[in-house]
Amino acid sequence: MKRTLLLIFAAFALMIGSFIWFVTTWDASAEEPVSMTQPIHIGATT
């Protein structure tokens, strides 16, 4: 039981650590945008 909880905690720590590493090393100027947000037009357009 204690070993299982330690493994679960280690997995969460690894996920959180990798996410923090990803965010801190992200260089937005080196990446191209993935998509553009387009407004949704509802109703008739004239």
N, C-alpha and C. Protein backbone atom coordinates (compact mmCIF):
# COMPACT_ATOMS: atom_id res chain seq x y z
N MET A 1 0.84 -1.20 0.00
CA MET A 1 0.00 0.00 0.00
C MET A 1 0.87 1.25 0.00
N LYS A 2 1.87 1.28 0.87
CA LYS A 2 2.73 2.46 0.96
C LYS A 2 3.55 2.62 -0.33
N ARG A 3 3.98 1.49 -0.90
CA ARG A 3 4.75 1.55 -2.15
C ARG A 3 3.89 2.09 -3.29
N THR A 4 2.64 1.67 -3.35
CA THR A 4 1.73 2.15 -4.40
C THR A 4 1.52 3.66 -4.29
N LEU A 5 1.32 4.15 -3.07
CA LEU A 5 1.14 5.59 -2.88
C LEU A 5 2.39 6.36 -3.27
N LEU A 6 3.56 5.80 -2.96
CA LEU A 6 4.80 6.45 -3.35
C LEU A 6 4.96 6.49 -4.87
N LEU A 7 4.57 5.41 -5.54
CA LEU A 7 4.64 5.40 -7.01
C LEU A 7 3.67 6.41 -7.62
N ILE A 8 2.48 6.51 -7.05
CA ILE A 8 1.51 7.49 -7.55
C ILE A 8 2.03 8.91 -7.32
N PHE A 9 2.59 9.17 -6.15
CA PHE A 9 3.16 10.48 -5.85
C PHE A 9 4.32 10.80 -6.79
N ALA A 10 5.16 9.80 -7.07
CA ALA A 10 6.29 10.01 -7.98
C ALA A 10 5.80 10.32 -9.39
N ALA A 11 4.75 9.66 -9.83
CA ALA A 11 4.20 9.92 -11.17
C ALA A 11 3.64 11.33 -11.24
N PHE A 12 2.91 11.75 -10.22
CA PHE A 12 2.39 13.13 -10.19
C PHE A 12 3.51 14.15 -10.16
N ALA A 13 4.54 13.89 -9.36
CA ALA A 13 5.68 14.81 -9.29
C ALA A 13 6.37 14.92 -10.63
N LEU A 14 6.50 13.81 -11.34
CA LEU A 14 7.12 13.82 -12.66
C LEU A 14 6.28 14.62 -13.66
N MET A 15 4.96 14.43 -13.62
CA MET A 15 4.08 15.16 -14.53
C MET A 15 4.12 16.67 -14.25
N ILE A 16 4.04 17.03 -12.98
CA ILE A 16 4.06 18.45 -12.62
C ILE A 16 5.41 19.06 -12.96
N GLY A 17 6.49 18.34 -12.68
CA GLY A 17 7.82 18.83 -13.00
C GLY A 17 8.03 19.01 -14.49
N SER A 18 7.56 18.08 -15.29
CA SER A 18 7.73 18.21 -16.74
C SER A 18 6.89 19.36 -17.28
N PHE A 19 5.71 19.58 -16.70
CA PHE A 19 4.89 20.70 -17.15
C PHE A 19 5.56 22.04 -16.81
N ILE A 20 6.11 22.13 -15.60
CA ILE A 20 6.81 23.36 -15.20
C ILE A 20 8.02 23.59 -16.10
N TRP A 21 8.77 22.53 -16.40
CA TRP A 21 9.92 22.66 -17.30
C TRP A 21 9.47 23.13 -18.68
N PHE A 22 8.37 22.57 -19.20
CA PHE A 22 7.86 22.95 -20.51
C PHE A 22 7.47 24.42 -20.54
N VAL A 23 6.80 24.90 -19.52
CA VAL A 23 6.36 26.29 -19.47
C VAL A 23 7.55 27.24 -19.34
N THR A 24 8.51 26.89 -18.50
CA THR A 24 9.63 27.81 -18.29
C THR A 24 10.59 27.86 -19.48
N THR A 25 10.64 26.81 -20.29
CA THR A 25 11.54 26.82 -21.44
C THR A 25 10.84 27.16 -22.74
N TRP A 26 9.56 27.49 -22.68
CA TRP A 26 8.79 27.79 -23.89
C TRP A 26 9.27 29.12 -24.48
N ASP A 27 9.54 29.12 -25.77
CA ASP A 27 9.93 30.33 -26.49
C ASP A 27 8.88 30.60 -27.55
N ALA A 28 7.94 31.48 -27.25
CA ALA A 28 6.82 31.74 -28.15
C ALA A 28 7.28 32.37 -29.46
N SER A 29 8.37 33.13 -29.44
CA SER A 29 8.82 33.79 -30.66
C SER A 29 9.42 32.79 -31.65
N ALA A 30 9.83 31.63 -31.18
CA ALA A 30 10.42 30.63 -32.06
C ALA A 30 9.37 29.69 -32.66
N GLU A 31 8.16 29.77 -32.21
CA GLU A 31 7.10 28.87 -32.68
C GLU A 31 6.09 29.62 -33.53
N GLU A 32 5.55 28.91 -34.52
CA GLU A 32 4.50 29.48 -35.34
C GLU A 32 3.15 29.22 -34.66
N PRO A 33 2.19 30.13 -34.84
CA PRO A 33 0.88 29.89 -34.23
C PRO A 33 0.22 28.65 -34.83
N VAL A 34 -0.47 27.91 -33.99
CA VAL A 34 -1.12 26.69 -34.43
C VAL A 34 -2.41 27.00 -35.17
N SER A 35 -3.17 27.96 -34.67
CA SER A 35 -4.44 28.29 -35.31
C SER A 35 -4.78 29.74 -35.02
N MET A 36 -5.80 30.19 -35.73
CA MET A 36 -6.32 31.54 -35.51
C MET A 36 -7.75 31.41 -35.02
N THR A 37 -8.15 32.30 -34.15
CA THR A 37 -9.52 32.31 -33.68
C THR A 37 -10.34 33.18 -34.60
N GLN A 38 -11.38 32.58 -35.16
CA GLN A 38 -12.27 33.31 -36.06
C GLN A 38 -13.58 33.60 -35.32
N PRO A 39 -14.10 34.81 -35.48
CA PRO A 39 -15.38 35.10 -34.83
C PRO A 39 -16.51 34.31 -35.47
N ILE A 40 -17.49 33.97 -34.68
CA ILE A 40 -18.65 33.23 -35.17
C ILE A 40 -19.74 34.26 -35.49
N HIS A 41 -20.20 34.23 -36.73
CA HIS A 41 -21.26 35.14 -37.16
C HIS A 41 -22.57 34.39 -37.09
N ILE A 42 -23.49 34.93 -36.32
CA ILE A 42 -24.81 34.32 -36.16
C ILE A 42 -25.83 35.22 -36.84
N GLY A 43 -26.68 34.62 -37.63
CA GLY A 43 -27.72 35.39 -38.30
C GLY A 43 -27.33 35.72 -39.73
N ALA A 44 -28.21 36.46 -40.38
CA ALA A 44 -28.00 36.81 -41.77
C ALA A 44 -26.97 37.93 -41.89
N THR A 45 -26.12 37.83 -42.88
CA THR A 45 -25.16 38.89 -43.15
C THR A 45 -25.60 39.59 -44.42
N THR A 46 -25.53 40.91 -44.41
CA THR A 46 -25.97 41.66 -45.59
C THR A 46 -24.82 42.49 -46.12
